Amino acid sequence: MDIKIGIINSPRELAFETKQSAEDIEQAVSEALTSQTHLSLQDEKGRKYVVAAAALAYVEFGAEEARRIGFVA
């Protein structure tokens, strides 16, 4: 699944792919916002991303299917 995280006062966004489900990510975002601590997610390569909840502008979930390579006829 593709994830994009917007950070307040930052012109760039974090973009990565993860194996976590949409429900898991939504739950992690909700918990981070209610507890006002941080959001912690892991990408497919094992790297962790930690963002302070107060700095979250948005979290965008992409499609859960794998990307296809090639041309469609």
PDB file of N, CA and C in Angstrom:
ATOM      1  N   MET A   1       0.840  -1.167   0.000  1.00  0.00           N
ATOM      2  CA  MET A   1       0.000   0.000   0.000  1.00  0.00           C
ATOM      3  C   MET A   1       0.887   1.231   0.000  1.00  0.00           C
ATOM      4  N   ASP A   2       0.513   2.205  -0.797  1.00  0.00           N
ATOM      5  CA  ASP A   2       1.232   3.475  -0.849  1.00  0.00           C
ATOM      6  C   ASP A   2       0.736   4.387   0.268  1.00  0.00           C
ATOM      7  N   ILE A   3       1.675   5.053   0.945  1.00  0.00           N
ATOM      8  CA  ILE A   3       1.358   5.978   2.025  1.00  0.00           C
ATOM      9  C   ILE A   3       2.033   7.308   1.738  1.00  0.00           C
ATOM     10  N   LYS A   4       1.307   8.395   1.951  1.00  0.00           N
ATOM     11  CA  LYS A   4       1.880   9.743   1.877  1.00  0.00           C
ATOM     12  C   LYS A   4       1.504  10.465   3.168  1.00  0.00           C
ATOM     13  N   ILE A   5       2.513  11.054   3.810  1.00  0.00           N
ATOM     14  CA  ILE A   5       2.295  11.776   5.056  1.00  0.00           C
ATOM     15  C   ILE A   5       2.721  13.216   4.851  1.00  0.00           C
ATOM     16  N   GLY A   6       1.784  14.124   5.024  1.00  0.00           N
ATOM     17  CA  GLY A   6       2.080  15.540   4.944  1.00  0.00           C
ATOM     18  C   GLY A   6       2.463  16.060   6.310  1.00  0.00           C
ATOM     19  N   ILE A   7       3.485  16.895   6.355  1.00  0.00           N
ATOM     20  CA  ILE A   7       3.982  17.436   7.620  1.00  0.00           C
ATOM     21  C   ILE A   7       3.800  18.950   7.607  1.00  0.00           C
ATOM     22  N   ILE A   8       3.264  19.482   8.683  1.00  0.00           N
ATOM     23  CA  ILE A   8       3.018  20.925   8.799  1.00  0.00           C
ATOM     24  C   ILE A   8       4.330  21.687   8.638  1.00  0.00           C
ATOM     25  N   ASN A   9       4.288  22.794   7.896  1.00  0.00           N
ATOM     26  CA  ASN A   9       5.440  23.675   7.642  1.00  0.00           C
ATOM     27  C   ASN A   9       6.585  22.984   6.907  1.00  0.00           C
ATOM     28  N   SER A  10       6.256  21.953   6.123  1.00  0.00           N
ATOM     29  CA  SER A  10       7.262  21.273   5.313  1.00  0.00           C
ATOM     30  C   SER A  10       6.742  21.188   3.888  1.00  0.00           C
ATOM     31  N   PRO A  11       7.540  21.635   2.913  1.00  0.00           N
ATOM     32  CA  PRO A  11       7.074  21.602   1.522  1.00  0.00           C
ATOM     33  C   PRO A  11       7.043  20.192   0.919  1.00  0.00           C
ATOM     34  N   ARG A  12       7.704  19.240   1.553  1.00  0.00           N
ATOM     35  CA  ARG A  12       7.760  17.872   1.040  1.00  0.00           C
ATOM     36  C   ARG A  12       6.914  16.954   1.896  1.00  0.00           C
ATOM     37  N   GLU A  13       6.561  15.823   1.337  1.00  0.00           N
ATOM     38  CA  GLU A  13       5.809  14.824   2.073  1.00  0.00           C
ATOM     39  C   GLU A  13       6.610  13.534   2.140  1.00  0.00           C
ATOM     40  N   LEU A  14       6.333  12.710   3.135  1.00  0.00           N
ATOM     41  CA  LEU A  14       6.936  11.385   3.209  1.00  0.00           C
ATOM     42  C   LEU A  14       6.098  10.458   2.354  1.00  0.00           C
ATOM     43  N   ALA A  15       6.715   9.722   1.460  1.00  0.00           N
ATOM     44  CA  ALA A  15       6.006   8.783   0.604  1.00  0.00           C
ATOM     45  C   ALA A  15       6.760   7.454   0.615  1.00  0.00           C
ATOM     46  N   PHE A  16       6.036   6.373   0.902  1.00  0.00           N
ATOM     47  CA  PHE A  16       6.646   5.056   0.937  1.00  0.00           C
ATOM     48  C   PHE A  16       5.576   3.992   0.785  1.00  0.00           C
ATOM     49  N   GLU A  17       6.014   2.745   0.579  1.00  0.00           N
ATOM     50  CA  GLU A  17       5.111   1.614   0.479  1.00  0.00           C
ATOM     51  C   GLU A  17       5.255   0.769   1.730  1.00  0.00           C
ATOM     52  N   THR A  18       4.134   0.229   2.200  1.00  0.00           N
ATOM     53  CA  THR A  18       4.133  -0.587   3.397  1.00  0.00           C
ATOM     54  C   THR A  18       3.296  -1.834   3.190  1.00  0.00           C
ATOM     55  N   LYS A  19       3.558  -2.845   3.993  1.00  0.00           N
ATOM     56  CA  LYS A  19       2.772  -4.080   3.951  1.00  0.00           C
ATOM     57  C   LYS A  19       1.611  -4.027   4.938  1.00  0.00           C
ATOM     58  N   GLN A  20       1.538  -2.972   5.750  1.00  0.00           N
ATOM     59  CA  GLN A  20       0.466  -2.842   6.727  1.00  0.00           C
ATOM     60  C   GLN A  20      -0.864  -2.602   6.013  1.00  0.00           C
ATOM     61  N   SER A  21      -1.946  -3.077   6.613  1.00  0.00           N
ATOM     62  CA  SER A  21      -3.265  -2.894   6.019  1.00  0.00           C
ATOM     63  C   SER A  21      -3.770  -1.482   6.284  1.00  0.00           C
ATOM     64  N   ALA A  22      -4.776  -1.081   5.544  1.00  0.00           N
ATOM     65  CA  ALA A  22      -5.371   0.242   5.712  1.00  0.00           C
ATOM     66  C   ALA A  22      -5.958   0.392   7.116  1.00  0.00           C
ATOM     67  N   GLU A  23      -6.539  -0.670   7.644  1.00  0.00           N
ATOM     68  CA  GLU A  23      -7.118  -0.627   8.990  1.00  0.00           C
ATOM     69  C   GLU A  23      -6.042  -0.403  10.046  1.00  0.00           C
ATOM     70  N   ASP A  24      -4.885  -1.078   9.891  1.00  0.00           N
ATOM     71  CA  ASP A  24      -3.780  -0.917  10.841  1.00  0.00           C
ATOM     72  C   ASP A  24      -3.245   0.520  10.821  1.00  0.00           C
ATOM     73  N   ILE A  25      -3.120   1.073   9.631  1.00  0.00           N
ATOM     74  CA  ILE A  25      -2.601   2.437   9.505  1.00  0.00           C
ATOM     75  C   ILE A  25      -3.589   3.434  10.074  1.00  0.00           C
ATOM     76  N   GLU A  26      -4.866   3.243   9.772  1.00  0.00           N
ATOM     77  CA  GLU A  26      -5.887   4.146  10.300  1.00  0.00           C
ATOM     78  C   GLU A  26      -5.930   4.104  11.823  1.00  0.00           C
ATOM     79  N   GLN A  27      -5.788   2.924  12.401  1.00  0.00           N
ATOM     80  CA  GLN A  27      -5.767   2.784  13.850  1.00  0.00           C
ATOM     81  C   GLN A  27      -4.541   3.470  14.445  1.00  0.00           C
ATOM     82  N   ALA A  28      -3.376   3.320  13.823  1.00  0.00           N
ATOM     83  CA  ALA A  28      -2.152   3.952  14.318  1.00  0.00           C
ATOM     84  C   ALA A  28      -2.267   5.472  14.269  1.00  0.00           C
ATOM     85  N   VAL A  29      -2.843   6.006  13.186  1.00  0.00           N
ATOM     86  CA  VAL A  29      -3.028   7.453  13.061  1.00  0.00           C
ATOM     87  C   VAL A  29      -3.995   7.951  14.125  1.00  0.00           C
ATOM     88  N   SER A  30      -5.090   7.235  14.311  1.00  0.00           N
ATOM     89  CA  SER A  30      -6.086   7.627  15.314  1.00  0.00           C
ATOM     90  C   SER A  30      -5.495   7.635  16.724  1.00  0.00           C
ATOM     91  N   GLU A  31      -4.740   6.598  17.056  1.00  0.00           N
ATOM     92  CA  GLU A  31      -4.107   6.525  18.377  1.00  0.00           C
ATOM     93  C   GLU A  31      -3.093   7.651  18.573  1.00  0.00           C
ATOM     94  N   ALA A  32      -2.337   7.960  17.532  1.00  0.00           N
ATOM     95  CA  ALA A  32      -1.344   9.036  17.625  1.00  0.00           C
ATOM     96  C   ALA A  32      -2.023  10.378  17.851  1.00  0.00           C
ATOM     97  N   LEU A  33      -3.132  10.619  17.168  1.00  0.00           N
ATOM     98  CA  LEU A  33      -3.827  11.898  17.300  1.00  0.00           C
ATOM     99  C   LEU A  33      -4.531  12.041  18.653  1.00  0.00           C
ATOM    100  N   THR A  34      -5.106  10.960  19.165  1.00  0.00           N
ATOM    101  CA  THR A  34      -5.794  11.055  20.451  1.00  0.00           C
ATOM    102  C   THR A  34      -4.823  11.155  21.623  1.00  0.00           C
ATOM    103  N   SER A  35      -3.676  10.473  21.517  1.00  0.00           N
ATOM    104  CA  SER A  35      -2.707  10.516  22.617  1.00  0.00           C
ATOM    105  C   SER A  35      -1.724  11.676  22.478  1.00  0.00           C
ATOM    106  N   GLN A  36      -1.709  12.331  21.302  1.00  0.00           N
ATOM    107  CA  GLN A  36      -0.799  13.456  21.031  1.00  0.00           C
ATOM    108  C   GLN A  36       0.668  13.093  21.277  1.00  0.00           C
ATOM    109  N   THR A  37       1.065  11.883  20.846  1.00  0.00           N
ATOM    110  CA  THR A  37       2.470  11.483  20.976  1.00  0.00           C
ATOM    111  C   THR A  37       3.128  11.492  19.600  1.00  0.00           C
ATOM    112  N   HIS A  38       3.166  10.340  18.936  1.00  0.00           N
ATOM    113  CA  HIS A  38       3.797  10.254  17.624  1.00  0.00           C
ATOM    114  C   HIS A  38       3.159   9.132  16.804  1.00  0.00           C
ATOM    115  N   LEU A  39       3.342   9.219  15.495  1.00  0.00           N
ATOM    116  CA  LEU A  39       2.901   8.180  14.566  1.00  0.00           C
ATOM    117  C   LEU A  39       4.136   7.432  14.120  1.00  0.00           C
ATOM    118  N   SER A  40       4.103   6.116  14.223  1.00  0.00           N
ATOM    119  CA  SER A  40       5.232   5.284  13.831  1.00  0.00           C
ATOM    120  C   SER A  40       4.755   4.244  12.831  1.00  0.00           C
ATOM    121  N   LEU A  41       5.329   4.261  11.623  1.00  0.00           N
ATOM    122  CA  LEU A  41       4.990   3.296  10.576  1.00  0.00           C
ATOM    123  C   LEU A  41       6.270   2.713  10.004  1.00  0.00           C
ATOM    124  N   GLN A  42       6.151   1.523   9.404  1.00  0.00           N
ATOM    125  CA  GLN A  42       7.321   0.846   8.835  1.00  0.00           C
ATOM    126  C   GLN A  42       7.067   0.563   7.363  1.00  0.00           C
ATOM    127  N   ASP A  43       8.104   0.759   6.519  1.00  0.00           N
ATOM    128  CA  ASP A  43       7.946   0.494   5.094  1.00  0.00           C
ATOM    129  C   ASP A  43       8.282  -0.954   4.772  1.00  0.00           C
ATOM    130  N   GLU A  44       8.189  -1.309   3.490  1.00  0.00           N
ATOM    131  CA  GLU A  44       8.427  -2.685   3.055  1.00  0.00           C
ATOM    132  C   GLU A  44       9.864  -3.142   3.256  1.00  0.00           C
ATOM    133  N   LYS A  45      10.802  -2.214   3.323  1.00  0.00           N
ATOM    134  CA  LYS A  45      12.212  -2.556   3.482  1.00  0.00           C
ATOM    135  C   LYS A  45      12.651  -2.588   4.938  1.00  0.00           C
ATOM    136  N   GLY A  46      11.719  -2.332   5.861  1.00  0.00           N
ATOM    137  CA  GLY A  46      12.033  -2.392   7.281  1.00  0.00           C
ATOM    138  C   GLY A  46      12.401  -1.063   7.915  1.00  0.00           C
ATOM    139  N   ARG A  47      12.415   0.024   7.136  1.00  0.00           N
ATOM    140  CA  ARG A  47      12.716   1.343   7.707  1.00  0.00           C
ATOM    141  C   ARG A  47      11.507   1.860   8.461  1.00  0.00           C
ATOM    142  N   LYS A  48      11.766   2.538   9.583  1.00  0.00           N
ATOM    143  CA  LYS A  48      10.685   3.113  10.389  1.00  0.00           C
ATOM    144  C   LYS A  48      10.612   4.610  10.184  1.00  0.00           C
ATOM    145  N   TYR A  49       9.384   5.126  10.171  1.00  0.00           N
ATOM    146  CA  TYR A  49       9.131   6.557  10.057  1.00  0.00           C
ATOM    147  C   TYR A  49       8.359   6.974  11.298  1.00  0.00           C
ATOM    148  N   VAL A  50       8.876   7.959  12.008  1.00  0.00           N
ATOM    149  CA  VAL A  50       8.237   8.468  13.220  1.00  0.00           C
ATOM    150  C   VAL A  50       7.980   9.957  13.033  1.00  0.00           C
ATOM    151  N   VAL A  51       6.722  10.359  13.187  1.00  0.00           N
ATOM    152  CA  VAL A  51       6.328  11.756  13.010  1.00  0.00           C
ATOM    153  C   VAL A  51       5.527  12.173  14.238  1.00  0.00           C
ATOM    154  N   ALA A  52       5.850  13.326  14.785  1.00  0.00           N
ATOM    155  CA  ALA A  52       5.093  13.845  15.932  1.00  0.00           C
ATOM    156  C   ALA A  52       3.647  14.088  15.515  1.00  0.00           C
ATOM    157  N   ALA A  53       2.708  13.698  16.353  1.00  0.00           N
ATOM    158  CA  ALA A  53       1.285  13.844  16.035  1.00  0.00           C
ATOM    159  C   ALA A  53       0.920  15.304  15.792  1.00  0.00           C
ATOM    160  N   ALA A  54       1.540  16.223  16.506  1.00  0.00           N
ATOM    161  CA  ALA A  54       1.242  17.646  16.349  1.00  0.00           C
ATOM    162  C   ALA A  54       1.695  18.179  14.988  1.00  0.00           C
ATOM    163  N   ALA A  55       2.587  17.474  14.306  1.00  0.00           N
ATOM    164  CA  ALA A  55       3.111  17.923  13.020  1.00  0.00           C
ATOM    165  C   ALA A  55       2.380  17.309  11.832  1.00  0.00           C
ATOM    166  N   LEU A  56       1.427  16.402  12.084  1.00  0.00           N
ATOM    167  CA  LEU A  56       0.711  15.744  10.990  1.00  0.00           C
ATOM    168  C   LEU A  56      -0.260  16.699  10.319  1.00  0.00           C
ATOM    169  N   ALA A  57      -0.112  16.869   9.011  1.00  0.00           N
ATOM    170  CA  ALA A  57      -1.071  17.650   8.237  1.00  0.00           C
ATOM    171  C   ALA A  57      -2.111  16.711   7.632  1.00  0.00           C
ATOM    172  N   TYR A  58      -1.666  15.584   7.058  1.00  0.00           N
ATOM    173  CA  TYR A  58      -2.574  14.585   6.499  1.00  0.00           C
ATOM    174  C   TYR A  58      -1.840  13.267   6.327  1.00  0.00           C
ATOM    175  N   VAL A  59      -2.603  12.196   6.210  1.00  0.00           N
ATOM    176  CA  VAL A  59      -2.078  10.874   5.890  1.00  0.00           C
ATOM    177  C   VAL A  59      -2.946  10.332   4.760  1.00  0.00           C
ATOM    178  N   GLU A  60      -2.324  10.046   3.623  1.00  0.00           N
ATOM    179  CA  GLU A  60      -3.049   9.562   2.450  1.00  0.00           C
ATOM    180  C   GLU A  60      -2.730   8.091   2.222  1.00  0.00           C
ATOM    181  N   PHE A  61      -3.769   7.266   2.078  1.00  0.00           N
ATOM    182  CA  PHE A  61      -3.600   5.842   1.821  1.00  0.00           C
ATOM    183  C   PHE A  61      -3.795   5.615   0.336  1.00  0.00           C
ATOM    184  N   GLY A  62      -2.916   4.827  -0.267  1.00  0.00           N
ATOM    185  CA  GLY A  62      -3.057   4.497  -1.682  1.00  0.00           C
ATOM    186  C   GLY A  62      -3.704   3.145  -1.860  1.00  0.00           C
ATOM    187  N   ALA A  63      -3.593   2.604  -3.049  1.00  0.00           N
ATOM    188  CA  ALA A  63      -4.168   1.307  -3.373  1.00  0.00           C
ATOM    189  C   ALA A  63      -3.391   0.193  -2.689  1.00  0.00           C
ATOM    190  N   GLU A  64      -4.093  -0.877  -2.329  1.00  0.00           N
ATOM    191  CA  GLU A  64      -3.451  -2.003  -1.666  1.00  0.00           C
ATOM    192  C   GLU A  64      -2.881  -3.021  -2.638  1.00  0.00           C
ATOM    193  N   GLU A  65      -3.206  -2.917  -3.918  1.00  0.00           N
ATOM    194  CA  GLU A  65      -2.691  -3.885  -4.883  1.00  0.00           C
ATOM    195  C   GLU A  65      -1.306  -3.491  -5.361  1.00  0.00           C
ATOM    196  N   ALA A  66      -0.564  -4.479  -5.834  1.00  0.00           N
ATOM    197  CA  ALA A  66       0.801  -4.241  -6.308  1.00  0.00           C
ATOM    198  C   ALA A  66       0.773  -3.467  -7.622  1.00  0.00           C
ATOM    199  N   ARG A  67       1.808  -2.700  -7.846  1.00  0.00           N
ATOM    200  CA  ARG A  67       1.920  -1.940  -9.085  1.00  0.00           C
ATOM    201  C   ARG A  67       2.201  -2.882 -10.243  1.00  0.00           C
ATOM    202  N   ARG A  68       1.634  -2.551 -11.389  1.00  0.00           N
ATOM    203  CA  ARG A  68       1.874  -3.351 -12.584  1.00  0.00           C
ATOM    204  C   ARG A  68       2.896  -2.641 -13.445  1.00  0.00           C
ATOM    205  N   ILE A  69       3.731  -3.445 -14.071  1.00  0.00           N
ATOM    206  CA  ILE A  69       4.766  -2.893 -14.935  1.00  0.00           C
ATOM    207  C   ILE A  69       4.432  -3.258 -16.377  1.00  0.00           C
ATOM    208  N   GLY A  70       4.565  -2.286 -17.265  1.00  0.00           N
ATOM    209  CA  GLY A  70       4.305  -2.545 -18.673  1.00  0.00           C
ATOM    210  C   GLY A  70       3.229  -1.627 -19.202  1.00  0.00           C
ATOM    211  N   PHE A  71       2.816  -1.890 -20.411  1.00  0.00           N
ATOM    212  CA  PHE A  71       1.812  -1.070 -21.069  1.00  0.00           C
ATOM    213  C   PHE A  71       0.497  -1.832 -21.148  1.00  0.00           C
ATOM    214  N   VAL A  72      -0.581  -1.105 -21.038  1.00  0.00           N
ATOM    215  CA  VAL A  72      -1.906  -1.697 -21.150  1.00  0.00           C
ATOM    216  C   VAL A  72      -2.394  -1.455 -22.570  1.00  0.00           C
ATOM    217  N   ALA A  73      -2.884  -2.499 -23.210  1.00  0.00           N
ATOM    218  CA  ALA A  73      -3.353  -2.380 -24.595  1.00  0.00           C
ATOM    219  C   ALA A  73      -4.809  -2.018 -24.650  1.00  0.00           C
TER     220      ALA A  73
END
